[in-house]
N, C-alpha and C. Protein backbone atom coordinates (compact mmCIF):
# COMPACT_ATOMS: atom_id res chain seq x y z
N MET A 1 0.74 -1.16 -0.13
CA MET A 1 -0.12 0.11 -0.05
C MET A 1 0.90 1.30 0.25
N SER A 2 0.68 1.99 -0.77
CA SER A 2 1.23 3.36 -1.01
C SER A 2 1.05 4.41 0.07
N GLN A 3 1.89 5.28 0.49
CA GLN A 3 1.70 6.17 1.43
C GLN A 3 1.37 7.63 1.05
N TRP A 4 1.29 7.80 -0.42
CA TRP A 4 1.07 9.01 -0.99
C TRP A 4 -0.65 9.32 -0.84
N PRO A 5 -0.74 10.36 -0.77
CA PRO A 5 -2.40 10.75 -0.70
C PRO A 5 -2.82 11.24 -2.15
N THR A 6 -3.94 11.25 -2.55
CA THR A 6 -4.71 11.67 -3.71
C THR A 6 -4.48 13.16 -3.65
N THR A 7 -3.84 13.73 -4.79
CA THR A 7 -3.63 15.03 -4.68
C THR A 7 -3.87 15.76 -6.04
N LYS A 8 -4.24 17.08 -6.05
CA LYS A 8 -4.62 17.82 -7.29
C LYS A 8 -3.17 18.03 -8.18
N ALA A 9 -3.55 17.89 -9.29
CA ALA A 9 -2.27 17.85 -10.05
C ALA A 9 -1.45 19.52 -10.13
N LYS A 10 -2.12 20.45 -10.00
CA LYS A 10 -1.50 21.87 -9.77
C LYS A 10 -0.81 21.70 -8.49
N ARG A 11 -1.30 21.05 -7.37
CA ARG A 11 -0.32 21.16 -6.51
C ARG A 11 1.02 20.37 -6.56
N VAL A 12 0.79 19.40 -7.36
CA VAL A 12 2.07 18.36 -7.62
C VAL A 12 2.98 19.31 -8.48
N LEU A 13 2.48 19.88 -9.45
CA LEU A 13 3.24 20.73 -10.38
C LEU A 13 3.69 21.93 -9.65
N ALA A 14 3.31 22.44 -8.76
CA ALA A 14 3.99 23.54 -7.83
C ALA A 14 4.99 22.88 -6.87
N ALA A 15 4.80 21.69 -6.31
CA ALA A 15 5.90 21.05 -5.72
C ALA A 15 7.07 20.75 -6.44
N LEU A 16 6.77 20.12 -7.61
CA LEU A 16 8.00 20.10 -8.68
C LEU A 16 8.70 21.41 -8.90
N LEU A 17 7.88 22.31 -9.44
CA LEU A 17 8.65 23.59 -9.69
C LEU A 17 9.46 24.20 -8.07
N ARG A 18 8.85 23.96 -7.05
CA ARG A 18 9.60 24.42 -5.89
C ARG A 18 11.02 23.63 -5.68
N ILE A 19 11.12 22.25 -6.10
CA ILE A 19 12.20 21.51 -5.89
C ILE A 19 13.14 21.51 -6.98
N GLY A 20 12.72 22.39 -7.98
CA GLY A 20 14.02 22.81 -9.03
C GLY A 20 13.55 22.60 -10.43
N TRP A 21 12.50 21.75 -10.68
CA TRP A 21 12.06 21.51 -12.07
C TRP A 21 11.75 22.67 -12.94
N THR A 22 11.69 22.83 -13.87
CA THR A 22 11.14 24.17 -14.68
C THR A 22 10.57 23.42 -15.98
N ILE A 23 9.53 24.37 -16.40
CA ILE A 23 8.70 24.07 -17.72
C ILE A 23 9.65 24.41 -18.83
N LYS A 24 10.04 23.45 -19.65
CA LYS A 24 10.98 23.60 -20.70
C LYS A 24 9.88 24.06 -21.95
N ARG A 25 9.04 23.27 -22.04
CA ARG A 25 7.79 23.80 -23.30
C ARG A 25 6.53 22.96 -22.87
N GLN A 26 5.44 23.44 -23.48
CA GLN A 26 4.18 23.23 -23.25
C GLN A 26 3.33 22.96 -24.16
N SER A 27 2.52 22.01 -24.39
CA SER A 27 1.51 22.04 -25.56
C SER A 27 0.04 21.57 -24.89
N GLY A 28 -0.94 22.39 -24.67
CA GLY A 28 -1.92 22.16 -23.97
C GLY A 28 -1.43 21.62 -22.72
N SER A 29 -2.24 20.49 -22.11
CA SER A 29 -1.67 20.19 -20.69
C SER A 29 -0.61 19.25 -20.74
N HIS A 30 0.08 19.15 -21.73
CA HIS A 30 1.35 18.38 -21.72
C HIS A 30 2.49 19.35 -21.62
N ARG A 31 3.24 19.33 -20.42
CA ARG A 31 4.26 20.32 -20.18
C ARG A 31 5.59 19.20 -20.02
N THR A 32 6.69 19.53 -20.65
CA THR A 32 7.72 18.97 -20.39
C THR A 32 8.50 19.65 -19.28
N LEU A 33 8.90 18.99 -18.47
CA LEU A 33 9.66 19.47 -17.38
C LEU A 33 11.27 19.14 -17.46
N SER A 34 12.27 20.11 -17.03
CA SER A 34 13.48 19.59 -17.04
C SER A 34 14.20 20.20 -15.72
N ARG A 35 15.04 19.32 -15.37
CA ARG A 35 15.99 19.73 -14.16
C ARG A 35 17.46 19.31 -14.36
N GLN A 36 18.54 19.92 -14.10
CA GLN A 36 19.71 19.62 -14.32
C GLN A 36 20.34 18.20 -13.49
N GLY A 37 20.74 17.42 -14.22
CA GLY A 37 21.18 16.12 -13.53
C GLY A 37 19.78 14.99 -13.88
N TRP A 38 18.67 15.16 -14.24
CA TRP A 38 17.50 14.57 -14.51
C TRP A 38 17.08 14.40 -15.85
N ALA A 39 16.55 13.27 -16.11
CA ALA A 39 15.88 13.31 -17.81
C ALA A 39 14.68 14.26 -17.53
N ASP A 40 14.41 14.57 -18.61
CA ASP A 40 13.12 15.42 -18.87
C ASP A 40 11.86 14.56 -18.48
N VAL A 41 10.93 15.30 -18.14
CA VAL A 41 9.57 14.39 -17.44
C VAL A 41 8.55 15.15 -18.32
N VAL A 42 7.61 14.23 -18.76
CA VAL A 42 6.37 15.13 -19.39
C VAL A 42 5.34 14.78 -18.32
N PHE A 43 4.78 15.82 -17.83
CA PHE A 43 3.65 16.02 -16.95
C PHE A 43 2.55 16.41 -17.61
N ALA A 44 1.46 15.29 -17.88
CA ALA A 44 0.34 15.48 -18.93
C ALA A 44 -1.02 15.30 -17.81
N PHE A 45 -1.21 16.37 -17.11
CA PHE A 45 -2.36 16.30 -16.28
C PHE A 45 -2.94 17.80 -16.38
N HIS A 46 -4.40 17.72 -16.31
CA HIS A 46 -4.98 19.13 -16.35
C HIS A 46 -4.97 19.53 -14.84
N ASP A 47 -4.96 20.74 -14.38
CA ASP A 47 -4.52 21.45 -13.25
C ASP A 47 -5.64 20.84 -12.18
N ASN A 48 -6.92 20.44 -12.40
CA ASN A 48 -7.92 20.12 -11.50
C ASN A 48 -8.19 18.93 -11.20
N GLU A 49 -7.24 17.84 -12.06
CA GLU A 49 -7.57 16.27 -12.17
C GLU A 49 -6.73 15.94 -10.91
N GLU A 50 -7.44 15.12 -10.25
CA GLU A 50 -6.86 14.12 -9.10
C GLU A 50 -5.93 13.23 -9.44
N ILE A 51 -4.50 13.21 -8.90
CA ILE A 51 -3.40 12.28 -9.11
C ILE A 51 -3.53 11.13 -7.91
N GLY A 52 -3.80 9.90 -8.26
CA GLY A 52 -3.82 9.06 -7.06
C GLY A 52 -2.59 8.39 -6.63
N PRO A 53 -2.62 7.68 -5.61
CA PRO A 53 -1.36 7.24 -4.83
C PRO A 53 -0.30 6.61 -5.85
N ARG A 54 -0.96 5.60 -6.64
CA ARG A 54 0.03 4.90 -7.32
C ARG A 54 0.97 5.68 -8.37
N MET A 55 -0.09 6.59 -9.12
CA MET A 55 0.39 7.49 -10.20
C MET A 55 1.53 8.52 -9.52
N LEU A 56 1.43 9.27 -8.09
CA LEU A 56 2.21 9.86 -7.39
C LEU A 56 3.26 9.32 -7.14
N ALA A 57 3.47 7.98 -6.81
CA ALA A 57 4.64 7.24 -6.49
C ALA A 57 5.49 7.09 -7.71
N ARG A 58 4.89 6.83 -8.84
CA ARG A 58 5.54 6.96 -10.12
C ARG A 58 6.25 8.01 -10.60
N ILE A 59 5.54 9.33 -10.31
CA ILE A 59 6.14 10.69 -10.64
C ILE A 59 7.37 11.02 -9.63
N ALA A 60 7.35 10.42 -8.19
CA ALA A 60 8.15 10.62 -7.37
C ALA A 60 9.53 9.95 -7.52
N LYS A 61 9.30 8.70 -8.15
CA LYS A 61 10.68 7.92 -8.57
C LYS A 61 11.42 8.68 -9.56
N LYS A 62 10.78 9.24 -10.73
CA LYS A 62 11.15 9.83 -11.89
C LYS A 62 11.74 11.35 -11.51
N THR A 63 11.26 11.91 -10.50
CA THR A 63 11.26 13.40 -10.45
C THR A 63 12.13 13.66 -8.82
N GLY A 64 12.43 12.73 -8.14
CA GLY A 64 12.82 13.01 -6.65
C GLY A 64 11.85 13.87 -5.86
N LEU A 65 10.48 13.90 -6.06
CA LEU A 65 9.72 14.49 -5.27
C LEU A 65 9.46 13.77 -4.10
N GLY A 66 9.63 14.04 -2.88
CA GLY A 66 9.19 13.74 -1.53
C GLY A 66 7.77 13.97 -1.04
N ARG A 67 7.32 13.04 -0.09
CA ARG A 67 5.98 13.23 0.34
C ARG A 67 6.03 14.75 1.22
N ASP A 68 7.17 15.18 1.81
CA ASP A 68 7.33 16.45 2.48
C ASP A 68 7.07 17.63 1.56
N ASP A 69 7.20 17.35 0.24
CA ASP A 69 7.47 18.35 -0.60
C ASP A 69 5.89 18.88 -1.12
N LEU A 70 4.92 18.27 -0.76
CA LEU A 70 3.72 18.51 -1.37
C LEU A 70 3.31 19.41 -0.17
């Protein structure tokens, strides 16, 4: 069982931006995020969409996002 809460996409994106990710480019709701030393990540969620625990765990693994960052 995952320890991640269900969270709105705009809150997750704000947390990613706070920990050093930047929006490299955007097309609609698809944002390509970049960070020095990490592979680019596509964040493809609408702002008011709920992101579940399993997807949050996957995002965290690819981005270094921690529970305390939300």
